[in-house]
């Protein structure tokens, strides 16, 4: 019964887009994080995303970082206790400054 209670809570979660930033040619990767995909057994480094989103799921107090790419779709890149920690991670990887983020909600 405990599993089904948790499943019902999970189904009630709603994503809320809090911030987003569109990357441009000035946001070159610092290569702190490298992402790969295997195609026919060959390791291929993925290109940088076009957009990064910070999402909060109700009623969770934390934030999730999503990278959006035409090449590989949306990928969840981690859970952060605060929006600022998520933004710091993006700064380390792509040099996105605080004022470049668009506040949504």
PDB file of N, CA and C in Angstrom:
ATOM      1  N   UNK A   1       0.816  -1.201   0.000  1.00  0.00           N
ATOM      2  CA  UNK A   1       0.000   0.000   0.000  1.00  0.00           C
ATOM      3  C   UNK A   1       0.859   1.264   0.000  1.00  0.00           C
ATOM      4  N   UNK A   2       2.001   1.243   0.668  1.00  0.00           N
ATOM      5  CA  UNK A   2       2.876   2.409   0.747  1.00  0.00           C
ATOM      6  C   UNK A   2       3.331   2.860  -0.650  1.00  0.00           C
ATOM      7  N   UNK A   3       3.651   1.917  -1.526  1.00  0.00           N
ATOM      8  CA  UNK A   3       4.068   2.243  -2.893  1.00  0.00           C
ATOM      9  C   UNK A   3       2.998   3.049  -3.615  1.00  0.00           C
ATOM     10  N   UNK A   4       1.767   2.618  -3.507  1.00  0.00           N
ATOM     11  CA  UNK A   4       0.681   3.283  -4.225  1.00  0.00           C
ATOM     12  C   UNK A   4       0.384   4.671  -3.663  1.00  0.00           C
ATOM     13  N   UNK A   5       0.615   4.868  -2.383  1.00  0.00           N
ATOM     14  CA  UNK A   5       0.477   6.201  -1.793  1.00  0.00           C
ATOM     15  C   UNK A   5       1.529   7.138  -2.378  1.00  0.00           C
ATOM     16  N   UNK A   6       2.762   6.647  -2.473  1.00  0.00           N
ATOM     17  CA  UNK A   6       3.834   7.457  -3.063  1.00  0.00           C
ATOM     18  C   UNK A   6       3.574   7.721  -4.544  1.00  0.00           C
ATOM     19  N   UNK A   7       3.050   6.735  -5.233  1.00  0.00           N
ATOM     20  CA  UNK A   7       2.733   6.900  -6.647  1.00  0.00           C
ATOM     21  C   UNK A   7       1.685   7.993  -6.842  1.00  0.00           C
ATOM     22  N   UNK A   8       0.686   8.026  -6.008  1.00  0.00           N
ATOM     23  CA  UNK A   8      -0.353   9.061  -6.103  1.00  0.00           C
ATOM     24  C   UNK A   8       0.236  10.450  -5.845  1.00  0.00           C
ATOM     25  N   UNK A   9       1.126  10.556  -4.865  1.00  0.00           N
ATOM     26  CA  UNK A   9       1.796  11.839  -4.599  1.00  0.00           C
ATOM     27  C   UNK A   9       2.626  12.263  -5.792  1.00  0.00           C
ATOM     28  N   UNK A  10       3.325  11.315  -6.396  1.00  0.00           N
ATOM     29  CA  UNK A  10       4.152  11.600  -7.567  1.00  0.00           C
ATOM     30  C   UNK A  10       3.301  12.115  -8.725  1.00  0.00           C
ATOM     31  N   UNK A  11       2.150  11.520  -8.936  1.00  0.00           N
ATOM     32  CA  UNK A  11       1.259  11.920 -10.023  1.00  0.00           C
ATOM     33  C   UNK A  11       0.712  13.331  -9.831  1.00  0.00           C
ATOM     34  N   UNK A  12       0.660  13.798  -8.593  1.00  0.00           N
ATOM     35  CA  UNK A  12       0.124  15.126  -8.297  1.00  0.00           C
ATOM     36  C   UNK A  12       1.154  16.234  -8.479  1.00  0.00           C
ATOM     37  N   UNK A  13       2.412  15.877  -8.661  1.00  0.00           N
ATOM     38  CA  UNK A  13       3.457  16.890  -8.833  1.00  0.00           C
ATOM     39  C   UNK A  13       3.265  17.621 -10.159  1.00  0.00           C
ATOM     40  N   UNK A  14       3.431  18.919 -10.126  1.00  0.00           N
ATOM     41  CA  UNK A  14       3.309  19.737 -11.330  1.00  0.00           C
ATOM     42  C   UNK A  14       4.607  20.505 -11.547  1.00  0.00           C
ATOM     43  N   UNK A  15       5.138  20.497 -12.780  1.00  0.00           N
ATOM     44  CA  UNK A  15       6.348  21.263 -13.045  1.00  0.00           C
ATOM     45  C   UNK A  15       6.031  22.748 -13.226  1.00  0.00           C
ATOM     46  N   UNK A  16       6.848  23.588 -12.626  1.00  0.00           N
ATOM     47  CA  UNK A  16       6.732  25.040 -12.779  1.00  0.00           C
ATOM     48  C   UNK A  16       8.065  25.556 -13.288  1.00  0.00           C
ATOM     49  N   UNK A  17       8.058  26.119 -14.482  1.00  0.00           N
ATOM     50  CA  UNK A  17       9.268  26.701 -15.052  1.00  0.00           C
ATOM     51  C   UNK A  17       9.571  27.996 -14.319  1.00  0.00           C
ATOM     52  N   UNK A  18      10.739  28.075 -13.675  1.00  0.00           N
ATOM     53  CA  UNK A  18      11.106  29.240 -12.870  1.00  0.00           C
ATOM     54  C   UNK A  18      12.019  30.209 -13.625  1.00  0.00           C
ATOM     55  N   UNK A  19      13.017  29.670 -14.319  1.00  0.00           N
ATOM     56  CA  UNK A  19      13.991  30.486 -15.057  1.00  0.00           C
ATOM     57  C   UNK A  19      14.424  29.731 -16.305  1.00  0.00           C
ATOM     58  N   UNK A  20      14.843  30.499 -17.304  1.00  0.00           N
ATOM     59  CA  UNK A  20      15.440  29.881 -18.488  1.00  0.00           C
ATOM     60  C   UNK A  20      16.441  30.837 -19.102  1.00  0.00           C
ATOM     61  N   UNK A  21      17.350  30.250 -19.863  1.00  0.00           N
ATOM     62  CA  UNK A  21      18.330  31.037 -20.591  1.00  0.00           C
ATOM     63  C   UNK A  21      18.575  30.328 -21.925  1.00  0.00           C
ATOM     64  N   UNK A  22      18.683  31.119 -22.980  1.00  0.00           N
ATOM     65  CA  UNK A  22      19.014  30.594 -24.294  1.00  0.00           C
ATOM     66  C   UNK A  22      20.503  30.833 -24.506  1.00  0.00           C
ATOM     67  N   UNK A  23      21.231  29.772 -24.815  1.00  0.00           N
ATOM     68  CA  UNK A  23      22.669  29.897 -25.012  1.00  0.00           C
ATOM     69  C   UNK A  23      22.971  30.414 -26.409  1.00  0.00           C
ATOM     70  N   UNK A  24      24.010  31.225 -26.486  1.00  0.00           N
ATOM     71  CA  UNK A  24      24.459  31.769 -27.772  1.00  0.00           C
ATOM     72  C   UNK A  24      25.918  31.361 -27.977  1.00  0.00           C
ATOM     73  N   UNK A  25      26.507  31.846 -29.043  1.00  0.00           N
ATOM     74  CA  UNK A  25      27.903  31.508 -29.334  1.00  0.00           C
ATOM     75  C   UNK A  25      28.859  32.038 -28.273  1.00  0.00           C
ATOM     76  N   UNK A  26      28.444  33.035 -27.499  1.00  0.00           N
ATOM     77  CA  UNK A  26      29.311  33.553 -26.434  1.00  0.00           C
ATOM     78  C   UNK A  26      29.378  32.603 -25.230  1.00  0.00           C
ATOM     79  N   UNK A  27      28.467  31.648 -25.145  1.00  0.00           N
ATOM     80  CA  UNK A  27      28.412  30.704 -24.034  1.00  0.00           C
ATOM     81  C   UNK A  27      29.132  29.406 -24.396  1.00  0.00           C
ATOM     82  N   UNK A  28      30.410  29.483 -24.621  1.00  0.00           N
ATOM     83  CA  UNK A  28      31.150  28.278 -24.952  1.00  0.00           C
ATOM     84  C   UNK A  28      31.371  27.451 -23.688  1.00  0.00           C
ATOM     85  N   UNK A  29      31.340  26.162 -23.854  1.00  0.00           N
ATOM     86  CA  UNK A  29      31.495  25.252 -22.724  1.00  0.00           C
ATOM     87  C   UNK A  29      32.891  25.373 -22.130  1.00  0.00           C
ATOM     88  N   UNK A  30      32.952  25.400 -20.808  1.00  0.00           N
ATOM     89  CA  UNK A  30      34.247  25.390 -20.116  1.00  0.00           C
ATOM     90  C   UNK A  30      34.799  23.969 -20.063  1.00  0.00           C
ATOM     91  N   UNK A  31      33.982  23.018 -20.518  1.00  0.00           N
ATOM     92  CA  UNK A  31      34.319  21.596 -20.563  1.00  0.00           C
ATOM     93  C   UNK A  31      34.519  21.002 -19.171  1.00  0.00           C
ATOM     94  N   UNK A  32      33.927  21.663 -18.168  1.00  0.00           N
ATOM     95  CA  UNK A  32      33.927  21.120 -16.811  1.00  0.00           C
ATOM     96  C   UNK A  32      33.125  19.820 -16.797  1.00  0.00           C
ATOM     97  N   UNK A  33      32.034  19.828 -17.565  1.00  0.00           N
ATOM     98  CA  UNK A  33      31.189  18.647 -17.703  1.00  0.00           C
ATOM     99  C   UNK A  33      31.178  18.276 -19.175  1.00  0.00           C
ATOM    100  N   UNK A  34      31.385  17.016 -19.457  1.00  0.00           N
ATOM    101  CA  UNK A  34      31.310  16.544 -20.838  1.00  0.00           C
ATOM    102  C   UNK A  34      30.219  15.495 -20.925  1.00  0.00           C
ATOM    103  N   UNK A  35      29.394  15.630 -21.945  1.00  0.00           N
ATOM    104  CA  UNK A  35      28.295  14.685 -22.130  1.00  0.00           C
ATOM    105  C   UNK A  35      28.538  13.875 -23.398  1.00  0.00           C
ATOM    106  N   UNK A  36      28.278  12.588 -23.279  1.00  0.00           N
ATOM    107  CA  UNK A  36      28.523  11.675 -24.391  1.00  0.00           C
ATOM    108  C   UNK A  36      27.292  10.824 -24.633  1.00  0.00           C
ATOM    109  N   UNK A  37      27.226  10.315 -25.839  1.00  0.00           N
ATOM    110  CA  UNK A  37      26.233   9.324 -26.205  1.00  0.00           C
ATOM    111  C   UNK A  37      26.954   8.272 -27.034  1.00  0.00           C
ATOM    112  N   UNK A  38      26.537   7.052 -26.904  1.00  0.00           N
ATOM    113  CA  UNK A  38      27.142   5.983 -27.698  1.00  0.00           C
ATOM    114  C   UNK A  38      26.243   5.671 -28.878  1.00  0.00           C
ATOM    115  N   UNK A  39      26.826   5.724 -30.076  1.00  0.00           N
ATOM    116  CA  UNK A  39      26.113   5.415 -31.305  1.00  0.00           C
ATOM    117  C   UNK A  39      26.890   4.318 -32.009  1.00  0.00           C
ATOM    118  N   UNK A  40      26.247   3.183 -32.179  1.00  0.00           N
ATOM    119  CA  UNK A  40      26.894   2.016 -32.786  1.00  0.00           C
ATOM    120  C   UNK A  40      28.226   1.685 -32.113  1.00  0.00           C
ATOM    121  N   UNK A  41      28.248   1.809 -30.800  1.00  0.00           N
ATOM    122  CA  UNK A  41      29.445   1.474 -30.035  1.00  0.00           C
ATOM    123  C   UNK A  41      30.504   2.562 -30.014  1.00  0.00           C
ATOM    124  N   UNK A  42      30.252   3.664 -30.703  1.00  0.00           N
ATOM    125  CA  UNK A  42      31.222   4.756 -30.753  1.00  0.00           C
ATOM    126  C   UNK A  42      30.809   5.870 -29.794  1.00  0.00           C
ATOM    127  N   UNK A  43      31.760   6.343 -28.991  1.00  0.00           N
ATOM    128  CA  UNK A  43      31.510   7.407 -28.019  1.00  0.00           C
ATOM    129  C   UNK A  43      31.571   8.759 -28.729  1.00  0.00           C
ATOM    130  N   UNK A  44      30.445   9.497 -28.686  1.00  0.00           N
ATOM    131  CA  UNK A  44      30.351  10.782 -29.381  1.00  0.00           C
ATOM    132  C   UNK A  44      30.039  11.862 -28.355  1.00  0.00           C
ATOM    133  N   UNK A  45      30.847  12.932 -28.347  1.00  0.00           N
ATOM    134  CA  UNK A  45      30.586  14.044 -27.437  1.00  0.00           C
ATOM    135  C   UNK A  45      29.421  14.861 -27.969  1.00  0.00           C
ATOM    136  N   UNK A  46      28.485  15.186 -27.078  1.00  0.00           N
ATOM    137  CA  UNK A  46      27.298  15.943 -27.475  1.00  0.00           C
ATOM    138  C   UNK A  46      27.602  17.428 -27.557  1.00  0.00           C
ATOM    139  N   UNK A  47      26.935  18.099 -28.465  1.00  0.00           N
ATOM    140  CA  UNK A  47      27.082  19.548 -28.589  1.00  0.00           C
ATOM    141  C   UNK A  47      26.352  20.229 -27.429  1.00  0.00           C
ATOM    142  N   UNK A  48      26.696  21.482 -27.125  1.00  0.00           N
ATOM    143  CA  UNK A  48      26.025  22.197 -26.028  1.00  0.00           C
ATOM    144  C   UNK A  48      24.535  22.370 -26.299  1.00  0.00           C
ATOM    145  N   UNK A  49      23.727  22.514 -25.267  1.00  0.00           N
ATOM    146  CA  UNK A  49      22.291  22.714 -25.445  1.00  0.00           C
ATOM    147  C   UNK A  49      21.989  24.112 -25.983  1.00  0.00           C
ATOM    148  N   UNK A  50      20.776  24.286 -26.508  1.00  0.00           N
ATOM    149  CA  UNK A  50      20.337  25.613 -26.954  1.00  0.00           C
ATOM    150  C   UNK A  50      19.689  26.383 -25.809  1.00  0.00           C
ATOM    151  N   UNK A  51      19.108  25.657 -24.857  1.00  0.00           N
ATOM    152  CA  UNK A  51      18.365  26.301 -23.769  1.00  0.00           C
ATOM    153  C   UNK A  51      18.606  25.526 -22.481  1.00  0.00           C
ATOM    154  N   UNK A  52      18.595  26.245 -21.372  1.00  0.00           N
ATOM    155  CA  UNK A  52      18.676  25.626 -20.052  1.00  0.00           C
ATOM    156  C   UNK A  52      17.521  26.153 -19.222  1.00  0.00           C
ATOM    157  N   UNK A  53      16.849  25.245 -18.527  1.00  0.00           N
ATOM    158  CA  UNK A  53      15.687  25.608 -17.714  1.00  0.00           C
ATOM    159  C   UNK A  53      15.889  25.179 -16.265  1.00  0.00           C
ATOM    160  N   UNK A  54      15.358  25.984 -15.358  1.00  0.00           N
ATOM    161  CA  UNK A  54      15.287  25.622 -13.950  1.00  0.00           C
ATOM    162  C   UNK A  54      13.816  25.428 -13.637  1.00  0.00           C
ATOM    163  N   UNK A  55      13.485  24.227 -13.164  1.00  0.00           N
ATOM    164  CA  UNK A  55      12.101  23.827 -12.937  1.00  0.00           C
ATOM    165  C   UNK A  55      11.936  23.402 -11.485  1.00  0.00           C
ATOM    166  N   UNK A  56      10.802  23.754 -10.915  1.00  0.00           N
ATOM    167  CA  UNK A  56      10.453  23.312  -9.571  1.00  0.00           C
ATOM    168  C   UNK A  56       9.161  22.514  -9.666  1.00  0.00           C
ATOM    169  N   UNK A  57       9.127  21.374  -9.010  1.00  0.00           N
ATOM    170  CA  UNK A  57       7.924  20.553  -8.983  1.00  0.00           C
ATOM    171  C   UNK A  57       7.194  20.785  -7.668  1.00  0.00           C
ATOM    172  N   UNK A  58       5.889  21.042  -7.754  1.00  0.00           N
ATOM    173  CA  UNK A  58       5.098  21.207  -6.536  1.00  0.00           C
ATOM    174  C   UNK A  58       4.906  19.839  -5.898  1.00  0.00           C
ATOM    175  N   UNK A  59       4.942  19.697  -4.636  1.00  0.00           N
ATOM    176  CA  UNK A  59       5.223  20.682  -3.604  1.00  0.00           C
ATOM    177  C   UNK A  59       6.689  20.677  -3.162  1.00  0.00           C
ATOM    178  N   UNK A  60       7.599  20.156  -3.971  1.00  0.00           N
ATOM    179  CA  UNK A  60       9.018  20.059  -3.625  1.00  0.00           C
ATOM    180  C   UNK A  60       9.629  21.440  -3.452  1.00  0.00           C
ATOM    181  N   UNK A  61      10.544  21.588  -2.511  1.00  0.00           N
ATOM    182  CA  UNK A  61      11.191  22.884  -2.285  1.00  0.00           C
ATOM    183  C   UNK A  61      12.456  23.044  -3.127  1.00  0.00           C
ATOM    184  N   UNK A  62      12.942  21.982  -3.752  1.00  0.00           N
ATOM    185  CA  UNK A  62      14.158  22.045  -4.545  1.00  0.00           C
ATOM    186  C   UNK A  62      13.891  22.352  -6.009  1.00  0.00           C
ATOM    187  N   UNK A  63      14.974  22.384  -6.782  1.00  0.00           N
ATOM    188  CA  UNK A  63      14.914  22.783  -8.186  1.00  0.00           C
ATOM    189  C   UNK A  63      15.681  21.793  -9.057  1.00  0.00           C
ATOM    190  N   UNK A  64      15.187  21.591 -10.272  1.00  0.00           N
ATOM    191  CA  UNK A  64      15.819  20.700 -11.230  1.00  0.00           C
ATOM    192  C   UNK A  64      16.339  21.517 -12.401  1.00  0.00           C
ATOM    193  N   UNK A  65      17.467  21.099 -12.913  1.00  0.00           N
ATOM    194  CA  UNK A  65      18.102  21.752 -14.051  1.00  0.00           C
ATOM    195  C   UNK A  65      17.899  20.867 -15.276  1.00  0.00           C
ATOM    196  N   UNK A  66      17.349  21.437 -16.348  1.00  0.00           N
ATOM    197  CA  UNK A  66      17.130  20.718 -17.595  1.00  0.00           C
ATOM    198  C   UNK A  66      17.886  21.413 -18.719  1.00  0.00           C
ATOM    199  N   UNK A  67      18.570  20.630 -19.535  1.00  0.00           N
ATOM    200  CA  UNK A  67      19.210  21.161 -20.730  1.00  0.00           C
ATOM    201  C   UNK A  67      18.402  20.688 -21.928  1.00  0.00           C
ATOM    202  N   UNK A  68      18.120  21.624 -22.852  1.00  0.00           N
ATOM    203  CA  UNK A  68      17.280  21.344 -24.011  1.00  0.00           C
ATOM    204  C   UNK A  68      18.128  21.480 -25.276  1.00  0.00           C
ATOM    205  N   UNK A  69      18.078  20.444 -26.096  1.00  0.00           N
ATOM    206  CA  UNK A  69      18.852  20.428 -27.331  1.00  0.00           C
ATOM    207  C   UNK A  69      18.024  19.788 -28.433  1.00  0.00           C
ATOM    208  N   UNK A  70      18.132  20.311 -29.651  1.00  0.00           N
ATOM    209  CA  UNK A  70      17.458  19.680 -30.789  1.00  0.00           C
ATOM    210  C   UNK A  70      18.073  18.310 -31.049  1.00  0.00           C
ATOM    211  N   UNK A  71      19.363  18.196 -30.803  1.00  0.00           N
ATOM    212  CA  UNK A  71      20.100  16.967 -31.076  1.00  0.00           C
ATOM    213  C   UNK A  71      19.677  15.817 -30.162  1.00  0.00           C
ATOM    214  N   UNK A  72      19.537  16.094 -28.857  1.00  0.00           N
ATOM    215  CA  UNK A  72      19.277  15.025 -27.892  1.00  0.00           C
ATOM    216  C   UNK A  72      18.093  15.287 -26.982  1.00  0.00           C
ATOM    217  N   UNK A  73      17.259  16.275 -27.302  1.00  0.00           N
ATOM    218  CA  UNK A  73      16.045  16.524 -26.546  1.00  0.00           C
ATOM    219  C   UNK A  73      16.303  17.162 -25.191  1.00  0.00           C
ATOM    220  N   UNK A  74      15.448  16.863 -24.229  1.00  0.00           N
ATOM    221  CA  UNK A  74      15.583  17.415 -22.875  1.00  0.00           C
ATOM    222  C   UNK A  74      16.244  16.381 -21.980  1.00  0.00           C
ATOM    223  N   UNK A  75      17.181  16.854 -21.170  1.00  0.00           N
ATOM    224  CA  UNK A  75      17.810  15.959 -20.204  1.00  0.00           C
ATOM    225  C   UNK A  75      17.896  16.656 -18.862  1.00  0.00           C
ATOM    226  N   UNK A  76      17.567  15.911 -17.829  1.00  0.00           N
ATOM    227  CA  UNK A  76      17.619  16.432 -16.465  1.00  0.00           C
ATOM    228  C   UNK A  76      19.062  16.347 -16.002  1.00  0.00           C
ATOM    229  N   UNK A  77      19.574  17.465 -15.490  1.00  0.00           N
ATOM    230  CA  UNK A  77      20.991  17.560 -15.160  1.00  0.00           C
ATOM    231  C   UNK A  77      21.279  17.666 -13.669  1.00  0.00           C
ATOM    232  N   UNK A  78      20.293  17.482 -12.846  1.00  0.00           N
ATOM    233  CA  UNK A  78      20.574  17.484 -11.420  1.00  0.00           C
ATOM    234  C   UNK A  78      19.514  18.184 -10.592  1.00  0.00           C
ATOM    235  N   UNK A  79      19.589  17.906  -9.304  1.00  0.00           N
ATOM    236  CA  UNK A  79      18.686  18.480  -8.317  1.00  0.00           C
ATOM    237  C   UNK A  79      19.482  19.436  -7.447  1.00  0.00           C
ATOM    238  N   UNK A  80      18.919  20.606  -7.178  1.00  0.00           N
ATOM    239  CA  UNK A  80      19.607  21.632  -6.391  1.00  0.00           C
ATOM    240  C   UNK A  80      18.667  22.159  -5.317  1.00  0.00           C
ATOM    241  N   UNK A  81      19.213  22.450  -4.166  1.00  0.00           N
ATOM    242  CA  UNK A  81      18.392  22.946  -3.057  1.00  0.00           C
ATOM    243  C   UNK A  81      17.874  24.359  -3.302  1.00  0.00           C
ATOM    244  N   UNK A  82      18.617  25.161  -4.080  1.00  0.00           N
ATOM    245  CA  UNK A  82      18.194  26.526  -4.368  1.00  0.00           C
ATOM    246  C   UNK A  82      18.374  26.826  -5.857  1.00  0.00           C
ATOM    247  N   UNK A  83      17.666  27.840  -6.324  1.00  0.00           N
ATOM    248  CA  UNK A  83      17.826  28.297  -7.706  1.00  0.00           C
ATOM    249  C   UNK A  83      19.246  28.807  -7.938  1.00  0.00           C
ATOM    250  N   UNK A  84      19.797  29.467  -6.924  1.00  0.00           N
ATOM    251  CA  UNK A  84      21.139  30.028  -7.039  1.00  0.00           C
ATOM    252  C   UNK A  84      22.191  28.939  -7.267  1.00  0.00           C
ATOM    253  N   UNK A  85      22.043  27.800  -6.580  1.00  0.00           N
ATOM    254  CA  UNK A  85      22.987  26.695  -6.779  1.00  0.00           C
ATOM    255  C   UNK A  85      22.889  26.135  -8.194  1.00  0.00           C
ATOM    256  N   UNK A  86      21.679  26.055  -8.729  1.00  0.00           N
ATOM    257  CA  UNK A  86      21.499  25.596 -10.104  1.00  0.00           C
ATOM    258  C   UNK A  86      22.153  26.584 -11.075  1.00  0.00           C
ATOM    259  N   UNK A  87      21.955  27.876 -10.841  1.00  0.00           N
ATOM    260  CA  UNK A  87      22.562  28.902 -11.696  1.00  0.00           C
ATOM    261  C   UNK A  87      24.082  28.880 -11.605  1.00  0.00           C
ATOM    262  N   UNK A  88      24.618  28.618 -10.427  1.00  0.00           N
ATOM    263  CA  UNK A  88      26.076  28.527 -10.272  1.00  0.00           C
ATOM    264  C   UNK A  88      26.640  27.378 -11.100  1.00  0.00           C
ATOM    265  N   UNK A  89      25.924  26.258 -11.143  1.00  0.00           N
ATOM    266  CA  UNK A  89      26.367  25.128 -11.950  1.00  0.00           C
ATOM    267  C   UNK A  89      26.425  25.508 -13.427  1.00  0.00           C
ATOM    268  N   UNK A  90      25.404  26.230 -13.900  1.00  0.00           N
ATOM    269  CA  UNK A  90      25.372  26.654 -15.301  1.00  0.00           C
ATOM    270  C   UNK A  90      26.483  27.666 -15.571  1.00  0.00           C
ATOM    271  N   UNK A  91      26.772  28.533 -14.597  1.00  0.00           N
ATOM    272  CA  UNK A  91      27.875  29.488 -14.757  1.00  0.00           C
ATOM    273  C   UNK A  91      29.202  28.739 -14.897  1.00  0.00           C
ATOM    274  N   UNK A  92      29.411  27.732 -14.064  1.00  0.00           N
ATOM    275  CA  UNK A  92      30.661  26.954 -14.129  1.00  0.00           C
ATOM    276  C   UNK A  92      30.826  26.279 -15.485  1.00  0.00           C
ATOM    277  N   UNK A  93      29.707  25.835 -16.049  1.00  0.00           N
ATOM    278  CA  UNK A  93      29.787  25.096 -17.302  1.00  0.00           C
ATOM    279  C   UNK A  93      29.753  25.970 -18.548  1.00  0.00           C
ATOM    280  N   UNK A  94      28.943  27.051 -18.542  1.00  0.00           N
ATOM    281  CA  UNK A  94      28.755  27.847 -19.756  1.00  0.00           C
ATOM    282  C   UNK A  94      28.980  29.345 -19.567  1.00  0.00           C
ATOM    283  N   UNK A  95      29.410  29.784 -18.383  1.00  0.00           N
ATOM    284  CA  UNK A  95      29.673  31.195 -18.104  1.00  0.00           C
ATOM    285  C   UNK A  95      28.431  32.071 -18.292  1.00  0.00           C
ATOM    286  N   UNK A  96      27.254  31.537 -17.944  1.00  0.00           N
ATOM    287  CA  UNK A  96      26.010  32.304 -17.982  1.00  0.00           C
ATOM    288  C   UNK A  96      25.944  33.141 -16.713  1.00  0.00           C
ATOM    289  N   UNK A  97      25.809  34.449 -16.864  1.00  0.00           N
ATOM    290  CA  UNK A  97      25.777  35.344 -15.707  1.00  0.00           C
ATOM    291  C   UNK A  97      24.353  35.457 -15.158  1.00  0.00           C
ATOM    292  N   UNK A  98      24.240  35.953 -13.928  1.00  0.00           N
ATOM    293  CA  UNK A  98      22.938  36.046 -13.248  1.00  0.00           C
ATOM    294  C   UNK A  98      21.931  36.862 -14.055  1.00  0.00           C
ATOM    295  N   UNK A  99      22.381  37.961 -14.663  1.00  0.00           N
ATOM    296  CA  UNK A  99      21.446  38.844 -15.363  1.00  0.00           C
ATOM    297  C   UNK A  99      20.969  38.295 -16.709  1.00  0.00           C
ATOM    298  N   UNK A 100      21.540  37.205 -17.180  1.00  0.00           N
ATOM    299  CA  UNK A 100      21.113  36.614 -18.453  1.00  0.00           C
ATOM    300  C   UNK A 100      19.892  35.705 -18.295  1.00  0.00           C
ATOM    301  N   UNK A 101      19.588  35.311 -17.071  1.00  0.00           N
ATOM    302  CA  UNK A 101      18.455  34.420 -16.837  1.00  0.00           C
ATOM    303  C   UNK A 101      17.138  35.185 -16.973  1.00  0.00           C
ATOM    304  N   UNK A 102      16.181  34.567 -17.620  1.00  0.00           N
ATOM    305  CA  UNK A 102      14.826  35.100 -17.725  1.00  0.00           C
ATOM    306  C   UNK A 102      13.982  34.480 -16.622  1.00  0.00           C
ATOM    307  N   UNK A 103      13.419  35.298 -15.749  1.00  0.00           N
ATOM    308  CA  UNK A 103      12.536  34.802 -14.698  1.00  0.00           C
ATOM    309  C   UNK A 103      11.163  34.564 -15.307  1.00  0.00           C
ATOM    310  N   UNK A 104      10.605  33.384 -15.073  1.00  0.00           N
ATOM    311  CA  UNK A 104       9.318  33.019 -15.663  1.00  0.00           C
ATOM    312  C   UNK A 104       8.202  33.074 -14.630  1.00  0.00           C
ATOM    313  N   UNK A 105       8.397  32.392 -13.512  1.00  0.00           N
ATOM    314  CA  UNK A 105       7.333  32.339 -12.494  1.00  0.00           C
ATOM    315  C   UNK A 105       7.825  32.915 -11.187  1.00  0.00           C
TER     316      UNK A 105
END
